[in-house]
Amino acid sequence: MKTAFIELMQAGGVLKFGEFKTKSGRLSPYFFNAGEYKTGAQLSMLSAYYAALIYETVGESFDAVFGPAYKGIPLAVNAAAKLYEKYGIDKPFLFNRKEIKDHGEGGNIVGYQLKDGDRIIVTEDVISAGTAVREFMPVLLSNAKVAVKDMFVSLDRSEFGSDMETIAREEIKKSFGITVHSIINVKDIYDYLKGKDAISAVKMKEYMDKYCII
């Protein structure tokens, strides 16, 4: 399953190898960009992986799926659709605007309107240093006293967080009580490369030794 998912990302240009600067400012030998998904077939396959992970992890024990702007939006929408299609789980979705709308319905949330006590799950593309979580949590909590316990991502880069001591997913767990669940992590990519691209595998190992905890 992990091999098939990695090959889906490569075929779509979502996963590339070379030298890239990440959002956290690190020079990485690989780059993941969910914005490269462009077709209905790609989104259908991608959402099947998310729906399966959500179903296996939390089942129906949540009230809505939140997708942070911008790349989390199609993930939330399509995951919600696939959860219903494959598992009969019909849950609402929501996403945020980068800027608050001052006309019409107003506000910074589109879709399901949050209520105190709601259990929200989050769909994101990747976790690197945990920056995105610090951006979207205040948005959610400014709308209602919700509980966010689980976040689902395509890739956990398994990197140190902002303190350069704690891995990002553990820092997020400690700071916000959110458990990060990933379809694959950086070691899965490294294991995949070992039998296909020795040079890229060596660079991946060097990067992992410097910035990652597996």
Protein backbone atom coordinates (compact mmCIF):
# COMPACT_ATOMS: atom_id res chain seq x y z
CA MET A 1 0.00 0.00 0.00
CA LYS A 2 2.81 2.42 0.89
CA THR A 3 4.66 1.66 -2.34
CA ALA A 4 1.48 2.27 -4.35
CA PHE A 5 0.91 5.57 -2.54
CA ILE A 6 4.48 6.76 -3.16
CA GLU A 7 4.16 5.86 -6.84
CA LEU A 8 0.85 7.74 -7.03
CA MET A 9 2.63 10.84 -5.69
CA GLN A 10 5.56 10.46 -8.07
CA ALA A 11 3.33 9.96 -11.10
CA GLY A 12 1.48 13.17 -10.29
CA GLY A 13 4.65 15.20 -9.65
CA VAL A 14 3.65 15.55 -6.02
CA LEU A 15 6.84 13.92 -4.74
CA LYS A 16 10.12 15.05 -6.29
CA PHE A 17 13.80 14.53 -5.54
CA GLY A 18 16.62 17.09 -5.79
CA GLU A 19 17.30 20.06 -3.49
CA PHE A 20 14.46 22.13 -2.13
CA LYS A 21 13.92 24.71 0.63
CA THR A 22 11.06 23.77 2.95
CA LYS A 23 8.64 26.09 4.76
CA SER A 24 10.80 25.66 7.86
CA GLY A 25 13.86 26.89 5.92
CA ARG A 26 15.66 23.54 5.71
CA LEU A 27 17.30 22.30 2.52
CA SER A 28 15.66 19.00 1.74
CA PRO A 29 16.60 16.29 -0.81
CA TYR A 30 12.94 15.75 -1.54
CA PHE A 31 9.88 17.91 -1.97
CA PHE A 32 6.22 17.13 -1.40
CA ASN A 33 3.58 19.40 -2.90
CA ALA A 34 -0.05 18.28 -2.75
CA GLY A 35 -0.91 21.24 -4.99
CA GLU A 36 0.29 19.13 -7.93
CA TYR A 37 -2.78 16.90 -7.75
CA LYS A 38 -4.87 18.11 -10.66
CA THR A 39 -7.31 15.43 -11.81
CA GLY A 40 -10.44 13.77 -10.56
CA ALA A 41 -8.80 10.35 -10.73
CA GLN A 42 -5.88 11.50 -8.57
CA LEU A 43 -8.18 13.03 -5.96
CA SER A 44 -10.37 9.94 -5.93
CA MET A 45 -7.37 7.68 -5.24
CA LEU A 46 -5.89 10.10 -2.70
CA SER A 47 -9.15 10.48 -0.79
CA ALA A 48 -9.48 6.68 -0.61
CA TYR A 49 -6.21 6.55 1.37
CA TYR A 50 -7.41 9.33 3.71
CA ALA A 51 -10.83 7.76 4.20
CA ALA A 52 -9.29 4.38 5.01
CA LEU A 53 -6.90 5.90 7.56
CA ILE A 54 -9.70 7.90 9.18
CA TYR A 55 -12.01 4.90 9.28
CA GLU A 56 -9.35 2.63 10.77
CA THR A 57 -8.35 5.24 13.36
CA VAL A 58 -11.49 6.98 14.60
CA GLY A 59 -14.37 5.30 12.77
CA GLU A 60 -17.44 7.52 13.22
CA SER A 61 -16.25 9.13 16.48
CA PHE A 62 -16.08 12.71 15.21
CA ASP A 63 -18.48 15.47 14.22
CA ALA A 64 -16.84 17.15 11.22
CA VAL A 65 -13.77 17.19 8.96
CA PHE A 66 -11.75 20.42 8.85
CA GLY A 67 -9.41 21.31 5.98
CA PRO A 68 -7.07 24.26 6.64
CA ALA A 69 -6.73 26.73 3.76
CA TYR A 70 -5.57 26.13 1.20
CA LYS A 71 -4.28 22.62 0.50
CA GLY A 72 -6.32 21.05 3.29
CA ILE A 73 -9.57 22.17 1.66
CA PRO A 74 -9.83 19.60 -1.17
CA LEU A 75 -8.54 16.94 1.23
CA ALA A 76 -11.40 17.55 3.67
CA VAL A 77 -14.05 17.78 0.94
CA ASN A 78 -12.94 14.63 -0.85
CA ALA A 79 -12.26 12.65 2.33
CA ALA A 80 -15.79 13.41 3.55
CA ALA A 81 -17.22 12.25 0.22
CA LYS A 82 -15.12 9.06 0.20
CA LEU A 83 -16.04 8.25 3.80
CA TYR A 84 -19.68 8.21 2.76
CA GLU A 85 -19.05 6.38 -0.52
CA LYS A 86 -16.91 3.58 0.97
CA TYR A 87 -18.05 3.30 4.58
CA GLY A 88 -21.48 4.95 4.77
CA ILE A 89 -20.16 7.59 7.17
CA ASP A 90 -21.88 10.89 6.42
CA LYS A 91 -20.11 13.75 8.19
CA PRO A 92 -20.00 17.48 7.38
CA PHE A 93 -16.85 19.33 6.38
CA LEU A 94 -15.59 22.85 6.83
CA PHE A 95 -12.61 25.00 5.94
CA ASN A 96 -11.31 28.45 6.75
CA ARG A 97 -10.73 31.59 4.75
CA LYS A 98 -7.38 33.31 4.94
CA GLU A 99 -9.21 36.62 5.31
CA ILE A 100 -12.45 37.18 7.24
CA LYS A 101 -15.41 37.91 4.97
CA ASP A 102 -17.20 41.14 5.97
CA HIS A 103 -20.31 40.68 3.79
CA GLY A 104 -22.87 37.97 3.08
CA GLU A 105 -22.69 35.30 5.77
CA GLY A 106 -19.39 36.77 7.02
CA GLY A 107 -16.87 35.04 9.21
CA ASN A 108 -13.78 32.99 8.47
CA ILE A 109 -15.34 29.51 8.27
CA VAL A 110 -17.05 28.00 5.23
CA GLY A 111 -19.28 24.92 5.47
CA TYR A 112 -20.26 23.35 8.76
CA GLN A 113 -20.66 25.90 11.54
CA LEU A 114 -18.82 24.84 14.66
CA LYS A 115 -20.54 24.32 18.01
CA ASP A 116 -19.13 24.01 21.52
CA GLY A 117 -18.19 20.41 22.23
CA ASP A 118 -17.72 19.36 18.61
CA ARG A 119 -15.07 16.72 17.92
CA ILE A 120 -13.15 17.87 14.86
CA ILE A 121 -10.65 15.90 12.79
CA VAL A 122 -8.19 17.69 10.51
CA THR A 123 -6.94 16.74 7.05
CA GLU A 124 -3.63 18.24 5.96
CA ASP A 125 -1.08 17.39 3.30
CA VAL A 126 2.13 17.15 5.31
CA ILE A 127 3.64 17.78 8.72
CA SER A 128 7.15 19.25 8.76
CA ALA A 129 7.76 21.56 11.72
CA GLY A 130 4.15 21.88 12.89
CA THR A 131 3.75 25.49 11.74
CA ALA A 132 0.34 24.95 10.14
CA VAL A 133 -1.19 23.63 13.37
CA ARG A 134 -0.23 26.81 15.20
CA GLU A 135 -2.00 28.78 12.48
CA PHE A 136 -5.29 26.91 12.27
CA MET A 137 -5.95 26.08 15.94
CA PRO A 138 -6.66 29.71 16.92
CA VAL A 139 -9.07 29.92 13.96
CA LEU A 140 -11.06 26.91 15.16
CA LEU A 141 -11.06 27.92 18.82
CA SER A 142 -12.14 31.46 17.98
CA ASN A 143 -15.36 30.00 16.56
CA ALA A 144 -16.26 27.47 19.26
CA LYS A 145 -14.86 25.39 22.11
CA VAL A 146 -14.11 22.37 19.97
CA ALA A 147 -11.98 19.30 20.65
CA VAL A 148 -9.31 18.47 18.06
CA LYS A 149 -7.70 15.14 18.86
CA ASP A 150 -6.66 13.72 15.48
CA MET A 151 -5.01 15.05 12.33
CA PHE A 152 -4.53 13.01 9.15
CA VAL A 153 -1.72 13.73 6.68
CA SER A 154 -0.23 12.17 3.57
CA LEU A 155 3.32 12.51 4.81
CA ASP A 156 4.96 12.87 8.20
CA ARG A 157 8.42 14.23 7.52
CA SER A 158 9.33 13.07 11.06
CA GLU A 159 11.36 16.22 11.65
CA PHE A 160 12.27 18.23 14.72
CA GLY A 161 9.80 20.93 15.64
CA SER A 162 10.50 24.55 16.46
CA ASP A 163 12.67 23.70 19.46
CA MET A 164 15.02 21.46 17.40
CA GLU A 165 14.78 18.87 20.19
CA THR A 166 11.32 17.35 19.92
CA ILE A 167 9.90 15.77 16.78
CA ALA A 168 7.08 17.91 15.35
CA ARG A 169 4.27 15.38 15.84
CA GLU A 170 5.25 14.97 19.51
CA GLU A 171 5.45 18.72 19.97
CA ILE A 172 1.94 19.03 18.52
CA LYS A 173 0.69 16.28 20.80
CA LYS A 174 2.20 18.03 23.83
CA SER A 175 1.04 21.54 22.90
CA PHE A 176 -2.42 20.82 21.51
CA GLY A 177 -3.29 17.23 22.42
CA ILE A 178 -3.49 16.31 18.71
CA THR A 179 -2.29 12.92 17.49
CA VAL A 180 -0.91 12.98 13.94
CA HIS A 181 -1.70 9.98 11.74
CA SER A 182 0.15 9.65 8.43
CA ILE A 183 -0.27 7.45 5.38
CA ILE A 184 3.53 7.35 5.03
CA ASN A 185 6.56 8.89 6.73
CA VAL A 186 10.05 9.85 5.62
CA LYS A 187 11.46 6.41 6.38
CA ASP A 188 8.93 4.82 4.02
CA ILE A 189 10.28 7.04 1.24
CA TYR A 190 13.86 6.16 2.18
CA ASP A 191 13.05 2.44 2.16
CA TYR A 192 11.40 2.84 -1.24
CA LEU A 193 14.44 4.65 -2.66
CA LYS A 194 17.01 2.14 -1.44
CA GLY A 195 16.08 -0.32 -4.16
CA LYS A 196 15.49 2.22 -6.91
CA ASP A 197 17.75 5.29 -6.58
CA ALA A 198 20.89 4.79 -4.49
CA ILE A 199 22.10 8.40 -4.80
CA SER A 200 18.79 9.86 -3.62
CA ALA A 201 18.68 7.28 -0.84
CA VAL A 202 22.08 8.39 0.46
CA LYS A 203 20.97 12.05 0.48
CA MET A 204 17.76 11.07 2.25
CA LYS A 205 19.74 9.21 4.92
CA GLU A 206 21.99 12.24 5.50
CA TYR A 207 18.95 14.51 5.85
CA MET A 208 17.20 12.08 8.18
CA ASP A 209 20.27 11.82 10.40
CA LYS A 210 20.35 15.62 10.74
CA TYR A 211 16.70 16.56 11.10
CA CYS A 212 14.57 13.48 11.75
CA ILE A 213 13.64 11.04 14.48
CA ILE A 214 12.15 7.79 13.24
